[in-house]
Amino acid sequence: MFRLMMILHSVVATTLMGIGVTAVLAAGMDGMKPIAISALAGFLLAFPVSWLIAQKITHLKATQIKQQP
């Protein structure tokens, strides 16, 4: 599951970082510090989000395997 989480992290982190930077720029906080903080927050927030997604995928896959005849 760790490997799946790290693969998902690359996609989830990019998305959350982009959302954070866009929100900061839309709020009018143009400067290096707010942009860097929002990007770092998105990167760090992506770890638990990726873990939850990987856990859900693993659970669904295990459920499907049990249901096969």
Protein backbone atom coordinates (compact mmCIF):
# COMPACT_ATOMS: atom_id res chain seq x y z
CA MET A 1 0.00 0.00 0.00
CA PHE A 2 2.93 2.36 0.63
CA ARG A 3 4.00 2.14 -3.00
CA LEU A 4 0.49 2.97 -4.20
CA MET A 5 0.34 5.86 -1.75
CA MET A 6 3.58 7.35 -3.07
CA ILE A 7 2.39 7.06 -6.67
CA LEU A 8 -0.86 8.76 -5.75
CA HIS A 9 1.03 11.41 -3.80
CA SER A 10 2.67 12.73 -6.95
CA VAL A 11 -0.74 13.44 -8.48
CA VAL A 12 -2.53 14.56 -5.32
CA ALA A 13 0.30 16.86 -4.22
CA THR A 14 0.43 18.59 -7.59
CA THR A 15 -3.32 19.17 -7.48
CA LEU A 16 -3.42 20.47 -3.91
CA MET A 17 -0.36 22.67 -4.42
CA GLY A 18 -1.93 24.18 -7.53
CA ILE A 19 -5.19 24.84 -5.72
CA GLY A 20 -3.33 26.49 -2.85
CA VAL A 21 -1.21 28.71 -5.05
CA THR A 22 -4.23 29.71 -7.13
CA ALA A 23 -6.19 30.58 -3.98
CA VAL A 24 -3.32 32.70 -2.64
CA LEU A 25 -2.94 34.57 -5.90
CA ALA A 26 -6.70 35.08 -6.22
CA ALA A 27 -6.73 36.53 -2.69
CA GLY A 28 -4.21 39.13 -3.81
CA MET A 29 -1.32 37.86 -1.70
CA ASP A 30 1.38 38.12 -4.32
CA GLY A 31 4.76 37.45 -2.85
CA MET A 32 7.19 34.62 -2.50
CA LYS A 33 6.38 33.77 1.11
CA PRO A 34 2.58 33.21 0.80
CA ILE A 35 3.02 31.24 -2.42
CA ALA A 36 5.73 29.02 -0.91
CA ILE A 37 3.70 28.43 2.27
CA SER A 38 0.59 27.44 0.32
CA ALA A 39 2.61 25.11 -1.92
CA LEU A 40 4.25 23.49 1.12
CA ALA A 41 0.87 23.12 2.82
CA GLY A 42 -0.51 21.38 -0.27
CA PHE A 43 2.50 19.06 -0.41
CA LEU A 44 2.17 18.08 3.25
CA LEU A 45 -1.62 17.76 3.13
CA ALA A 46 -1.26 15.34 0.21
CA PHE A 47 0.33 12.66 2.44
CA PRO A 48 -2.77 11.81 4.51
CA VAL A 49 -5.05 12.33 1.52
CA SER A 50 -2.96 9.91 -0.57
CA TRP A 51 -2.94 7.40 2.28
CA LEU A 52 -6.75 7.54 2.53
CA ILE A 53 -7.17 7.10 -1.22
CA ALA A 54 -4.70 4.19 -1.29
CA GLN A 55 -6.47 2.56 1.64
CA LYS A 56 -9.84 2.88 -0.10
CA ILE A 57 -8.47 1.44 -3.38
CA THR A 58 -6.85 -1.48 -1.53
CA HIS A 59 -10.07 -2.18 0.37
CA LEU A 60 -12.19 -2.08 -2.79
CA LYS A 61 -9.78 -4.38 -4.61
CA ALA A 62 -9.83 -6.88 -1.74
CA THR A 63 -13.64 -6.78 -1.68
CA GLN A 64 -13.84 -7.45 -5.42
CA ILE A 65 -11.46 -10.40 -5.16
CA LYS A 66 -13.62 -11.98 -2.41
CA GLN A 67 -16.77 -11.63 -4.51
CA GLN A 68 -15.40 -13.43 -7.56
CA PRO A 69 -16.75 -16.98 -8.00
